[in-house]
């Protein structure tokens, strides 16, 4: 008789997240950026065993991520840095950046039947800088990993900011755990005759202003699903909403009928402060009871995002007539 599969412990979950961090670093000339958003999924039965301590698991993983990065940067794990340098074909691994507003970690049950007992699914997100001195288009790299049975499999996608396939590439911060996009190092060479000290001061001040701006609350989403009432604070310019899962990363995970798509809709605020909504589902989205332009179903049955539509400052967003989200813009309040 086969032995029963044990649910992953908090420590095993941490080790899986730590490996995700270290395997997906992106070196720059003066620093190294790392994935700062982690959606961790467990089989529903496994999740039930830790549900009561899930907030503590998340909190300690966030602390452990910072501690791990600091240890590497302090040279306490020099052998690890040498191995990473060889893997990345570099003479030396620059210091890893710690996100100014912390790590965003979510721990939840896989409601789509994609994971077996004992497996851990992780969707990590890395905001990558644009090429050519940040003058190009930033991209977001999303890595989906499954850990279990002594194996680790991973797939990754890289999308330009604003592309239909990516939820967002802008700096992010959600209700609860938050993160901000890693900023340029103060060691960046000065330009135009500026002194290195003055250049560093300007860059540091710019980063502070950028962090404050990027962390502001844009909107508030209030809704109730099968898991109870929720309030989500929109703290980035684009968010994705849906059932989510280990193969579909969303900012706002809604637990409900299968009519709610894994990625159901997207919300975006443009530079002028106008909110826009876009349907990405097969079952439709409504605003104040009126359907918005639908996604287009391809011959393969895959939904292609519909056109964006302006969203009022206050609105009731319906997801396939199963879940209603009360939307309120808070920018400028």
C-alpha atoms as a PDB file:
ATOM      1  CA  UNK A   1       0.000   0.000   0.000  1.00  0.00           C
ATOM      2  CA  UNK A   2       1.424   3.369  -1.011  1.00  0.00           C
ATOM      3  CA  UNK A   3       2.335   5.733   1.795  1.00  0.00           C
ATOM      4  CA  UNK A   4       0.047   8.730   2.261  1.00  0.00           C
ATOM      5  CA  UNK A   5       1.395  11.927   0.738  1.00  0.00           C
ATOM      6  CA  UNK A   6       2.165  14.519   3.385  1.00  0.00           C
ATOM      7  CA  UNK A   7       1.002  18.094   3.011  1.00  0.00           C
ATOM      8  CA  UNK A   8       3.906  20.533   2.499  1.00  0.00           C
ATOM      9  CA  UNK A   9       5.046  22.101   5.756  1.00  0.00           C
ATOM     10  CA  UNK A  10       5.624  25.817   6.181  1.00  0.00           C
ATOM     11  CA  UNK A  11       9.367  25.201   5.967  1.00  0.00           C
ATOM     12  CA  UNK A  12       9.004  23.193   2.748  1.00  0.00           C
ATOM     13  CA  UNK A  13       6.931  25.994   1.256  1.00  0.00           C
ATOM     14  CA  UNK A  14       9.631  28.487   2.230  1.00  0.00           C
ATOM     15  CA  UNK A  15      12.353  26.370   0.603  1.00  0.00           C
ATOM     16  CA  UNK A  16      10.324  26.236  -2.617  1.00  0.00           C
ATOM     17  CA  UNK A  17       9.929  30.029  -2.600  1.00  0.00           C
ATOM     18  CA  UNK A  18      13.628  30.516  -1.801  1.00  0.00           C
ATOM     19  CA  UNK A  19      14.588  28.334  -4.771  1.00  0.00           C
ATOM     20  CA  UNK A  20      12.203  30.351  -6.944  1.00  0.00           C
ATOM     21  CA  UNK A  21      13.981  33.520  -5.835  1.00  0.00           C
ATOM     22  CA  UNK A  22      17.498  32.263  -6.455  1.00  0.00           C
ATOM     23  CA  UNK A  23      16.766  30.543  -9.772  1.00  0.00           C
ATOM     24  CA  UNK A  24      15.168  33.602 -11.353  1.00  0.00           C
ATOM     25  CA  UNK A  25      17.563  36.453 -10.623  1.00  0.00           C
ATOM     26  CA  UNK A  26      18.200  39.101 -13.282  1.00  0.00           C
ATOM     27  CA  UNK A  27      21.652  40.723 -13.054  1.00  0.00           C
ATOM     28  CA  UNK A  28      22.230  44.362 -14.010  1.00  0.00           C
ATOM     29  CA  UNK A  29      25.577  46.179 -14.170  1.00  0.00           C
ATOM     30  CA  UNK A  30      25.442  47.355 -10.545  1.00  0.00           C
ATOM     31  CA  UNK A  31      22.693  45.279  -8.921  1.00  0.00           C
ATOM     32  CA  UNK A  32      20.581  42.163  -9.322  1.00  0.00           C
ATOM     33  CA  UNK A  33      16.793  42.219  -9.326  1.00  0.00           C
ATOM     34  CA  UNK A  34      14.670  39.296  -8.201  1.00  0.00           C
ATOM     35  CA  UNK A  35      11.045  38.236  -8.488  1.00  0.00           C
ATOM     36  CA  UNK A  36       9.129  40.199  -5.873  1.00  0.00           C
ATOM     37  CA  UNK A  37       5.626  38.750  -6.310  1.00  0.00           C
ATOM     38  CA  UNK A  38       4.916  35.136  -5.363  1.00  0.00           C
ATOM     39  CA  UNK A  39       1.543  33.403  -5.678  1.00  0.00           C
ATOM     40  CA  UNK A  40       1.857  30.028  -3.931  1.00  0.00           C
ATOM     41  CA  UNK A  41      -0.768  27.333  -4.519  1.00  0.00           C
ATOM     42  CA  UNK A  42      -1.441  24.065  -2.680  1.00  0.00           C
ATOM     43  CA  UNK A  43      -3.844  21.208  -3.261  1.00  0.00           C
ATOM     44  CA  UNK A  44      -7.101  22.152  -1.434  1.00  0.00           C
ATOM     45  CA  UNK A  45      -6.689  19.307   1.081  1.00  0.00           C
ATOM     46  CA  UNK A  46      -3.102  20.371   1.781  1.00  0.00           C
ATOM     47  CA  UNK A  47      -4.147  23.995   2.141  1.00  0.00           C
ATOM     48  CA  UNK A  48      -6.799  23.030   4.703  1.00  0.00           C
ATOM     49  CA  UNK A  49      -4.067  21.657   6.986  1.00  0.00           C
ATOM     50  CA  UNK A  50      -2.345  25.050   7.217  1.00  0.00           C
ATOM     51  CA  UNK A  51      -5.270  27.408   6.641  1.00  0.00           C
ATOM     52  CA  UNK A  52      -5.277  28.523  10.279  1.00  0.00           C
ATOM     53  CA  UNK A  53      -1.611  29.550  10.208  1.00  0.00           C
ATOM     54  CA  UNK A  54      -1.435  30.732   6.581  1.00  0.00           C
ATOM     55  CA  UNK A  55      -1.011  34.429   7.562  1.00  0.00           C
ATOM     56  CA  UNK A  56       1.950  33.512   9.781  1.00  0.00           C
ATOM     57  CA  UNK A  57       3.485  31.375   7.028  1.00  0.00           C
ATOM     58  CA  UNK A  58       3.203  34.297   4.606  1.00  0.00           C
ATOM     59  CA  UNK A  59       4.640  36.773   7.124  1.00  0.00           C
ATOM     60  CA  UNK A  60       7.623  34.583   7.920  1.00  0.00           C
ATOM     61  CA  UNK A  61       8.325  33.863   4.247  1.00  0.00           C
ATOM     62  CA  UNK A  62       8.456  37.619   3.652  1.00  0.00           C
ATOM     63  CA  UNK A  63      10.912  38.020   6.522  1.00  0.00           C
ATOM     64  CA  UNK A  64      12.948  35.048   5.317  1.00  0.00           C
ATOM     65  CA  UNK A  65      13.215  36.453   1.776  1.00  0.00           C
ATOM     66  CA  UNK A  66      14.776  39.646   3.088  1.00  0.00           C
ATOM     67  CA  UNK A  67      17.067  37.721   5.422  1.00  0.00           C
ATOM     68  CA  UNK A  68      18.177  35.432   2.579  1.00  0.00           C
ATOM     69  CA  UNK A  69      19.004  38.347   0.290  1.00  0.00           C
ATOM     70  CA  UNK A  70      20.900  40.138   3.057  1.00  0.00           C
ATOM     71  CA  UNK A  71      22.951  37.015   3.787  1.00  0.00           C
ATOM     72  CA  UNK A  72      23.920  36.673   0.153  1.00  0.00           C
ATOM     73  CA  UNK A  73      24.786  40.357  -0.100  1.00  0.00           C
ATOM     74  CA  UNK A  74      26.870  40.259   3.073  1.00  0.00           C
ATOM     75  CA  UNK A  75      28.955  37.452   1.653  1.00  0.00           C
ATOM     76  CA  UNK A  76      27.847  34.915   4.283  1.00  0.00           C
ATOM     77  CA  UNK A  77      27.038  32.495   1.464  1.00  0.00           C
ATOM     78  CA  UNK A  78      29.961  33.122  -0.850  1.00  0.00           C
ATOM     79  CA  UNK A  79      29.840  29.608  -2.285  1.00  0.00           C
ATOM     80  CA  UNK A  80      26.250  30.173  -3.365  1.00  0.00           C
ATOM     81  CA  UNK A  81      27.232  33.438  -5.061  1.00  0.00           C
ATOM     82  CA  UNK A  82      30.070  31.742  -6.930  1.00  0.00           C
ATOM     83  CA  UNK A  83      27.742  29.005  -8.179  1.00  0.00           C
ATOM     84  CA  UNK A  84      25.169  31.595  -9.258  1.00  0.00           C
ATOM     85  CA  UNK A  85      27.883  33.633 -10.995  1.00  0.00           C
ATOM     86  CA  UNK A  86      28.929  30.592 -13.028  1.00  0.00           C
ATOM     87  CA  UNK A  87      25.313  29.814 -13.942  1.00  0.00           C
ATOM     88  CA  UNK A  88      24.763  33.388 -15.047  1.00  0.00           C
ATOM     89  CA  UNK A  89      28.128  33.514 -16.885  1.00  0.00           C
ATOM     90  CA  UNK A  90      29.317  36.477 -14.849  1.00  0.00           C
ATOM     91  CA  UNK A  91      32.555  37.120 -13.029  1.00  0.00           C
ATOM     92  CA  UNK A  92      30.595  38.335 -10.047  1.00  0.00           C
ATOM     93  CA  UNK A  93      26.947  38.538  -9.017  1.00  0.00           C
ATOM     94  CA  UNK A  94      26.054  42.148  -8.105  1.00  0.00           C
ATOM     95  CA  UNK A  95      24.134  42.735  -4.865  1.00  0.00           C
ATOM     96  CA  UNK A  96      20.501  41.629  -4.924  1.00  0.00           C
ATOM     97  CA  UNK A  97      17.981  44.424  -4.394  1.00  0.00           C
ATOM     98  CA  UNK A  98      15.462  44.188  -1.557  1.00  0.00           C
ATOM     99  CA  UNK A  99      12.152  45.790  -2.642  1.00  0.00           C
ATOM    100  CA  UNK A 100      11.591  49.004  -0.706  1.00  0.00           C
ATOM    101  CA  UNK A 101       8.019  48.151   0.294  1.00  0.00           C
ATOM    102  CA  UNK A 102       8.569  44.463   0.919  1.00  0.00           C
ATOM    103  CA  UNK A 103       7.724  41.214  -0.840  1.00  0.00           C
ATOM    104  CA  UNK A 104       4.258  40.349  -2.094  1.00  0.00           C
ATOM    105  CA  UNK A 105       3.411  36.769  -1.098  1.00  0.00           C
ATOM    106  CA  UNK A 106       0.034  35.060  -1.465  1.00  0.00           C
ATOM    107  CA  UNK A 107      -0.792  31.551  -0.230  1.00  0.00           C
ATOM    108  CA  UNK A 108      -4.019  29.922  -1.382  1.00  0.00           C
ATOM    109  CA  UNK A 109      -5.678  26.708  -2.511  1.00  0.00           C
ATOM    110  CA  UNK A 110      -5.571  25.531  -6.113  1.00  0.00           C
ATOM    111  CA  UNK A 111      -9.267  25.481  -7.068  1.00  0.00           C
ATOM    112  CA  UNK A 112      -8.643  24.358 -10.653  1.00  0.00           C
ATOM    113  CA  UNK A 113      -7.470  20.797 -10.016  1.00  0.00           C
ATOM    114  CA  UNK A 114      -3.981  21.393 -11.407  1.00  0.00           C
ATOM    115  CA  UNK A 115      -1.941  20.216  -8.408  1.00  0.00           C
ATOM    116  CA  UNK A 116      -1.746  16.838  -6.711  1.00  0.00           C
ATOM    117  CA  UNK A 117      -1.372  16.188  -2.994  1.00  0.00           C
ATOM    118  CA  UNK A 118       2.057  17.231  -1.778  1.00  0.00           C
ATOM    119  CA  UNK A 119       2.771  19.513  -4.740  1.00  0.00           C
ATOM    120  CA  UNK A 120       3.497  23.243  -4.524  1.00  0.00           C
ATOM    121  CA  UNK A 121       2.676  25.570  -7.395  1.00  0.00           C
ATOM    122  CA  UNK A 122       4.414  28.955  -7.547  1.00  0.00           C
ATOM    123  CA  UNK A 123       3.789  31.821  -9.936  1.00  0.00           C
ATOM    124  CA  UNK A 124       6.543  34.423  -9.551  1.00  0.00           C
ATOM    125  CA  UNK A 125       6.707  37.805 -11.252  1.00  0.00           C
ATOM    126  CA  UNK A 126       9.802  39.849 -12.062  1.00  0.00           C
ATOM    127  CA  UNK A 127       9.544  43.413 -13.405  1.00  0.00           C
ATOM    128  CA  UNK A 128      12.465  43.606 -15.830  1.00  0.00           C
ATOM    129  CA  UNK A 129      13.977  46.937 -16.920  1.00  0.00           C
ATOM    130  CA  UNK A 130      13.815  48.137 -20.486  1.00  0.00           C
ATOM    131  CA  UNK A 131      16.937  47.764 -22.617  1.00  0.00           C
ATOM    132  CA  UNK A 132      19.185  50.620 -23.687  1.00  0.00           C
ATOM    133  CA  UNK A 133      19.469  52.540 -20.437  1.00  0.00           C
ATOM    134  CA  UNK A 134      15.770  52.058 -19.580  1.00  0.00           C
ATOM    135  CA  UNK A 135      14.663  53.978 -22.685  1.00  0.00           C
ATOM    136  CA  UNK A 136      12.745  51.070 -24.209  1.00  0.00           C
ATOM    137  CA  UNK A 137       9.643  49.191 -23.109  1.00  0.00           C
ATOM    138  CA  UNK A 138       9.757  47.472 -19.690  1.00  0.00           C
ATOM    139  CA  UNK A 139       8.777  43.821 -19.581  1.00  0.00           C
ATOM    140  CA  UNK A 140       7.403  41.411 -17.007  1.00  0.00           C
ATOM    141  CA  UNK A 141       8.719  37.859 -16.673  1.00  0.00           C
ATOM    142  CA  UNK A 142       6.259  35.384 -15.168  1.00  0.00           C
ATOM    143  CA  UNK A 143       7.573  31.963 -14.120  1.00  0.00           C
ATOM    144  CA  UNK A 144       5.197  29.124 -13.256  1.00  0.00           C
ATOM    145  CA  UNK A 145       6.790  26.301 -11.265  1.00  0.00           C
ATOM    146  CA  UNK A 146       5.489  23.046  -9.800  1.00  0.00           C
ATOM    147  CA  UNK A 147       7.491  21.418  -7.008  1.00  0.00           C
ATOM    148  CA  UNK A 148       6.867  17.927  -5.669  1.00  0.00           C
ATOM    149  CA  UNK A 149       8.149  14.375  -5.583  1.00  0.00           C
ATOM    150  CA  UNK A 150      11.748  15.557  -5.709  1.00  0.00           C
ATOM    151  CA  UNK A 151      11.180  17.339  -9.030  1.00  0.00           C
ATOM    152  CA  UNK A 152      10.779  20.920 -10.138  1.00  0.00           C
ATOM    153  CA  UNK A 153       9.285  21.917 -13.495  1.00  0.00           C
ATOM    154  CA  UNK A 154       9.015  25.487 -14.695  1.00  0.00           C
ATOM    155  CA  UNK A 155       7.785  27.491 -17.666  1.00  0.00           C
ATOM    156  CA  UNK A 156       8.243  31.202 -18.214  1.00  0.00           C
ATOM    157  CA  UNK A 157       6.760  33.958 -20.335  1.00  0.00           C
ATOM    158  CA  UNK A 158       8.061  37.460 -20.921  1.00  0.00           C
ATOM    159  CA  UNK A 159       5.668  40.198 -21.991  1.00  0.00           C
ATOM    160  CA  UNK A 160       5.994  43.882 -22.797  1.00  0.00           C
ATOM    161  CA  UNK A 161       4.221  46.335 -20.525  1.00  0.00           C
ATOM    162  CA  UNK A 162       0.677  46.865 -21.731  1.00  0.00           C
ATOM    163  CA  UNK A 163       0.640  43.716 -23.878  1.00  0.00           C
ATOM    164  CA  UNK A 164      -2.576  41.750 -23.744  1.00  0.00           C
ATOM    165  CA  UNK A 165      -0.908  38.640 -22.379  1.00  0.00           C
ATOM    166  CA  UNK A 166       0.455  40.208 -19.217  1.00  0.00           C
ATOM    167  CA  UNK A 167      -1.550  41.364 -16.198  1.00  0.00           C
ATOM    168  CA  UNK A 168       0.825  44.279 -15.581  1.00  0.00           C
ATOM    169  CA  UNK A 169       4.418  45.389 -15.696  1.00  0.00           C
ATOM    170  CA  UNK A 170       3.970  48.522 -13.621  1.00  0.00           C
ATOM    171  CA  UNK A 171       5.185  48.808 -10.014  1.00  0.00           C
ATOM    172  CA  UNK A 172       2.694  47.070  -7.770  1.00  0.00           C
ATOM    173  CA  UNK A 173       1.344  47.146  -4.252  1.00  0.00           C
ATOM    174  CA  UNK A 174      -1.777  45.350  -3.057  1.00  0.00           C
ATOM    175  CA  UNK A 175      -3.805  45.328   0.100  1.00  0.00           C
ATOM    176  CA  UNK A 176      -1.711  43.441   2.625  1.00  0.00           C
ATOM    177  CA  UNK A 177       1.715  42.339   1.354  1.00  0.00           C
ATOM    178  CA  UNK A 178       3.214  44.935  -0.964  1.00  0.00           C
ATOM    179  CA  UNK A 179       6.110  45.454  -3.291  1.00  0.00           C
ATOM    180  CA  UNK A 180       7.491  48.180  -5.522  1.00  0.00           C
ATOM    181  CA  UNK A 181       9.435  47.859  -8.726  1.00  0.00           C
ATOM    182  CA  UNK A 182      13.174  47.733  -8.003  1.00  0.00           C
ATOM    183  CA  UNK A 183      14.703  51.117  -8.779  1.00  0.00           C
ATOM    184  CA  UNK A 184      17.934  51.974 -10.521  1.00  0.00           C
ATOM    185  CA  UNK A 185      21.022  51.690  -8.401  1.00  0.00           C
ATOM    186  CA  UNK A 186      22.519  54.836  -6.968  1.00  0.00           C
ATOM    187  CA  UNK A 187      25.809  53.554  -8.423  1.00  0.00           C
ATOM    188  CA  UNK A 188      24.647  54.379 -11.965  1.00  0.00           C
ATOM    189  CA  UNK A 189      27.370  56.493 -13.633  1.00  0.00           C
ATOM    190  CA  UNK A 190      26.768  60.237 -13.677  1.00  0.00           C
ATOM    191  CA  UNK A 191      25.894  61.950 -16.956  1.00  0.00           C
ATOM    192  CA  UNK A 192      26.347  65.417 -18.397  1.00  0.00           C
ATOM    193  CA  UNK A 193      29.154  66.403 -16.062  1.00  0.00           C
ATOM    194  CA  UNK A 194      27.215  65.723 -12.864  1.00  0.00           C
ATOM    195  CA  UNK A 195      29.287  64.643  -9.914  1.00  0.00           C
ATOM    196  CA  UNK A 196      28.759  61.022  -8.769  1.00  0.00           C
ATOM    197  CA  UNK A 197      27.523  62.239  -5.386  1.00  0.00           C
ATOM    198  CA  UNK A 198      25.013  64.642  -6.926  1.00  0.00           C
ATOM    199  CA  UNK A 199      23.864  61.996  -9.411  1.00  0.00           C
ATOM    200  CA  UNK A 200      23.310  59.478  -6.613  1.00  0.00           C
ATOM    201  CA  UNK A 201      21.381  62.067  -4.610  1.00  0.00           C
ATOM    202  CA  UNK A 202      19.106  62.860  -7.567  1.00  0.00           C
ATOM    203  CA  UNK A 203      18.499  59.171  -8.270  1.00  0.00           C
ATOM    204  CA  UNK A 204      17.736  58.429  -4.620  1.00  0.00           C
ATOM    205  CA  UNK A 205      15.289  61.332  -4.401  1.00  0.00           C
ATOM    206  CA  UNK A 206      13.646  60.275  -7.679  1.00  0.00           C
ATOM    207  CA  UNK A 207      13.266  56.760  -6.326  1.00  0.00           C
ATOM    208  CA  UNK A 208      11.593  58.056  -3.149  1.00  0.00           C
ATOM    209  CA  UNK A 209       9.132  60.147  -5.158  1.00  0.00           C
ATOM    210  CA  UNK A 210       8.472  57.253  -7.537  1.00  0.00           C
ATOM    211  CA  UNK A 211       7.862  54.837  -4.644  1.00  0.00           C
ATOM    212  CA  UNK A 212       5.382  57.222  -3.016  1.00  0.00           C
ATOM    213  CA  UNK A 213       3.564  57.758  -6.303  1.00  0.00           C
ATOM    214  CA  UNK A 214       3.486  54.077  -7.205  1.00  0.00           C
ATOM    215  CA  UNK A 215       2.185  53.075  -3.781  1.00  0.00           C
ATOM    216  CA  UNK A 216      -0.820  55.372  -3.824  1.00  0.00           C
ATOM    217  CA  UNK A 217      -4.286  53.868  -3.790  1.00  0.00           C
ATOM    218  CA  UNK A 218      -5.991  54.136  -7.170  1.00  0.00           C
ATOM    219  CA  UNK A 219      -9.274  52.391  -6.440  1.00  0.00           C
ATOM    220  CA  UNK A 220     -11.105  50.147  -3.990  1.00  0.00           C
ATOM    221  CA  UNK A 221     -12.801  46.896  -4.964  1.00  0.00           C
ATOM    222  CA  UNK A 222     -15.324  45.340  -2.571  1.00  0.00           C
ATOM    223  CA  UNK A 223     -16.909  41.971  -3.258  1.00  0.00           C
ATOM    224  CA  UNK A 224     -18.123  38.718  -1.732  1.00  0.00           C
ATOM    225  CA  UNK A 225     -17.412  35.267  -3.145  1.00  0.00           C
ATOM    226  CA  UNK A 226     -17.528  31.682  -1.890  1.00  0.00           C
ATOM    227  CA  UNK A 227     -14.722  32.468   0.565  1.00  0.00           C
ATOM    228  CA  UNK A 228     -16.522  35.452   2.145  1.00  0.00           C
ATOM    229  CA  UNK A 229     -16.261  39.267   1.939  1.00  0.00           C
ATOM    230  CA  UNK A 230     -13.127  40.938   0.519  1.00  0.00           C
ATOM    231  CA  UNK A 231     -11.700  44.429   0.019  1.00  0.00           C
ATOM    232  CA  UNK A 232      -8.873  44.928  -2.489  1.00  0.00           C
ATOM    233  CA  UNK A 233      -6.950  48.199  -2.756  1.00  0.00           C
ATOM    234  CA  UNK A 234      -5.756  48.823  -6.305  1.00  0.00           C
ATOM    235  CA  UNK A 235      -2.217  50.180  -5.929  1.00  0.00           C
ATOM    236  CA  UNK A 236      -0.926  49.831  -9.483  1.00  0.00           C
ATOM    237  CA  UNK A 237      -2.076  51.023 -12.872  1.00  0.00           C
ATOM    238  CA  UNK A 238      -3.288  47.654 -14.186  1.00  0.00           C
ATOM    239  CA  UNK A 239      -4.870  44.722 -12.367  1.00  0.00           C
ATOM    240  CA  UNK A 240      -6.170  41.382 -13.558  1.00  0.00           C
ATOM    241  CA  UNK A 241      -9.224  39.725 -11.960  1.00  0.00           C
ATOM    242  CA  UNK A 242     -10.392  36.106 -12.149  1.00  0.00           C
ATOM    243  CA  UNK A 243     -10.267  32.644 -10.573  1.00  0.00           C
ATOM    244  CA  UNK A 244      -6.510  32.481 -11.089  1.00  0.00           C
ATOM    245  CA  UNK A 245      -4.548  29.289 -10.617  1.00  0.00           C
ATOM    246  CA  UNK A 246      -1.027  27.939 -11.001  1.00  0.00           C
ATOM    247  CA  UNK A 247      -1.233  28.545 -14.758  1.00  0.00           C
ATOM    248  CA  UNK A 248      -3.033  31.896 -14.643  1.00  0.00           C
ATOM    249  CA  UNK A 249      -1.667  34.762 -12.534  1.00  0.00           C
ATOM    250  CA  UNK A 250      -4.186  37.364 -11.365  1.00  0.00           C
ATOM    251  CA  UNK A 251      -4.031  40.236  -8.894  1.00  0.00           C
ATOM    252  CA  UNK A 252      -7.539  39.685  -7.540  1.00  0.00           C
ATOM    253  CA  UNK A 253      -8.469  36.029  -7.102  1.00  0.00           C
ATOM    254  CA  UNK A 254     -12.223  35.405  -7.037  1.00  0.00           C
ATOM    255  CA  UNK A 255     -13.549  32.069  -5.809  1.00  0.00           C
ATOM    256  CA  UNK A 256     -16.759  31.164  -7.605  1.00  0.00           C
ATOM    257  CA  UNK A 257     -18.474  29.337 -10.424  1.00  0.00           C
ATOM    258  CA  UNK A 258     -16.482  27.974 -13.354  1.00  0.00           C
ATOM    259  CA  UNK A 259     -18.206  30.705 -15.379  1.00  0.00           C
ATOM    260  CA  UNK A 260     -15.681  33.059 -13.785  1.00  0.00           C
ATOM    261  CA  UNK A 261     -12.663  32.635 -16.063  1.00  0.00           C
ATOM    262  CA  UNK A 262      -9.169  32.134 -14.695  1.00  0.00           C
ATOM    263  CA  UNK A 263      -8.462  35.611 -16.016  1.00  0.00           C
ATOM    264  CA  UNK A 264     -11.853  37.264 -16.393  1.00  0.00           C
ATOM    265  CA  UNK A 265     -11.244  40.976 -16.805  1.00  0.00           C
ATOM    266  CA  UNK A 266      -8.638  43.717 -16.559  1.00  0.00           C
ATOM    267  CA  UNK A 267      -8.816  47.166 -15.042  1.00  0.00           C
ATOM    268  CA  UNK A 268      -6.446  49.967 -16.018  1.00  0.00           C
ATOM    269  CA  UNK A 269      -6.050  53.631 -15.187  1.00  0.00           C
ATOM    270  CA  UNK A 270      -4.435  55.823 -17.843  1.00  0.00           C
ATOM    271  CA  UNK A 271      -2.048  58.745 -17.140  1.00  0.00           C
ATOM    272  CA  UNK A 272      -5.011  61.139 -17.155  1.00  0.00           C
ATOM    273  CA  UNK A 273      -6.785  59.244 -14.367  1.00  0.00           C
ATOM    274  CA  UNK A 274      -9.463  57.612 -16.558  1.00  0.00           C
ATOM    275  CA  UNK A 275     -10.257  54.040 -15.563  1.00  0.00           C
ATOM    276  CA  UNK A 276     -10.771  51.461 -18.301  1.00  0.00           C
ATOM    277  CA  UNK A 277     -12.224  47.949 -18.192  1.00  0.00           C
ATOM    278  CA  UNK A 278     -11.580  45.071 -20.605  1.00  0.00           C
ATOM    279  CA  UNK A 279     -13.333  41.696 -20.841  1.00  0.00           C
ATOM    280  CA  UNK A 280     -11.067  38.648 -21.169  1.00  0.00           C
ATOM    281  CA  UNK A 281     -13.637  35.941 -20.440  1.00  0.00           C
ATOM    282  CA  UNK A 282     -15.836  33.450 -22.249  1.00  0.00           C
ATOM    283  CA  UNK A 283     -18.953  34.245 -20.163  1.00  0.00           C
ATOM    284  CA  UNK A 284     -18.920  38.020 -20.216  1.00  0.00           C
ATOM    285  CA  UNK A 285     -18.571  41.057 -17.954  1.00  0.00           C
ATOM    286  CA  UNK A 286     -21.079  43.805 -17.178  1.00  0.00           C
ATOM    287  CA  UNK A 287     -20.912  47.315 -15.745  1.00  0.00           C
ATOM    288  CA  UNK A 288     -23.988  48.510 -13.829  1.00  0.00           C
ATOM    289  CA  UNK A 289     -25.988  45.691 -15.380  1.00  0.00           C
ATOM    290  CA  UNK A 290     -24.997  46.413 -18.991  1.00  0.00           C
ATOM    291  CA  UNK A 291     -22.656  44.020 -20.862  1.00  0.00           C
ATOM    292  CA  UNK A 292     -19.380  45.528 -22.017  1.00  0.00           C
ATOM    293  CA  UNK A 293     -17.791  44.631 -25.391  1.00  0.00           C
ATOM    294  CA  UNK A 294     -16.993  40.917 -25.070  1.00  0.00           C
ATOM    295  CA  UNK A 295     -13.811  38.996 -25.611  1.00  0.00           C
ATOM    296  CA  UNK A 296     -13.578  37.273 -28.991  1.00  0.00           C
ATOM    297  CA  UNK A 297     -13.486  33.484 -28.988  1.00  0.00           C
ATOM    298  CA  UNK A 298     -10.904  32.016 -31.368  1.00  0.00           C
ATOM    299  CA  UNK A 299     -11.328  28.808 -33.366  1.00  0.00           C
ATOM    300  CA  UNK A 300      -9.418  27.025 -30.589  1.00  0.00           C
ATOM    301  CA  UNK A 301     -11.889  28.288 -27.993  1.00  0.00           C
ATOM    302  CA  UNK A 302      -9.421  30.761 -26.465  1.00  0.00           C
ATOM    303  CA  UNK A 303     -10.752  34.181 -25.500  1.00  0.00           C
ATOM    304  CA  UNK A 304      -8.932  37.142 -27.028  1.00  0.00           C
ATOM    305  CA  UNK A 305      -9.374  40.363 -24.987  1.00  0.00           C
ATOM    306  CA  UNK A 306     -12.200  42.630 -26.064  1.00  0.00           C
ATOM    307  CA  UNK A 307     -11.809  46.403 -26.553  1.00  0.00           C
ATOM    308  CA  UNK A 308     -11.325  48.636 -23.531  1.00  0.00           C
ATOM    309  CA  UNK A 309     -14.261  50.693 -22.294  1.00  0.00           C
ATOM    310  CA  UNK A 310     -14.309  53.704 -19.981  1.00  0.00           C
ATOM    311  CA  UNK A 311     -15.319  52.844 -16.412  1.00  0.00           C
ATOM    312  CA  UNK A 312     -17.203  55.332 -14.188  1.00  0.00           C
ATOM    313  CA  UNK A 313     -15.674  56.402 -10.883  1.00  0.00           C
ATOM    314  CA  UNK A 314     -18.317  54.295  -9.136  1.00  0.00           C
ATOM    315  CA  UNK A 315     -19.647  51.124 -10.733  1.00  0.00           C
ATOM    316  CA  UNK A 316     -20.882  47.596 -10.107  1.00  0.00           C
ATOM    317  CA  UNK A 317     -18.885  45.091 -12.140  1.00  0.00           C
ATOM    318  CA  UNK A 318     -20.543  41.743 -12.812  1.00  0.00           C
ATOM    319  CA  UNK A 319     -18.500  38.631 -13.565  1.00  0.00           C
ATOM    320  CA  UNK A 320     -20.688  36.267 -15.609  1.00  0.00           C
ATOM    321  CA  UNK A 321     -23.664  37.110 -13.374  1.00  0.00           C
ATOM    322  CA  UNK A 322     -22.052  35.151 -10.520  1.00  0.00           C
ATOM    323  CA  UNK A 323     -19.923  37.672  -8.588  1.00  0.00           C
ATOM    324  CA  UNK A 324     -20.415  41.439  -8.326  1.00  0.00           C
ATOM    325  CA  UNK A 325     -17.547  43.801  -7.513  1.00  0.00           C
ATOM    326  CA  UNK A 326     -18.292  47.298  -6.199  1.00  0.00           C
ATOM    327  CA  UNK A 327     -15.692  49.546  -7.789  1.00  0.00           C
ATOM    328  CA  UNK A 328     -14.803  53.000  -6.436  1.00  0.00           C
ATOM    329  CA  UNK A 329     -12.029  55.178  -7.816  1.00  0.00           C
ATOM    330  CA  UNK A 330     -10.047  56.779  -4.976  1.00  0.00           C
ATOM    331  CA  UNK A 331      -7.280  58.525  -6.955  1.00  0.00           C
ATOM    332  CA  UNK A 332      -7.061  62.141  -5.891  1.00  0.00           C
ATOM    333  CA  UNK A 333      -9.052  61.689  -2.684  1.00  0.00           C
END
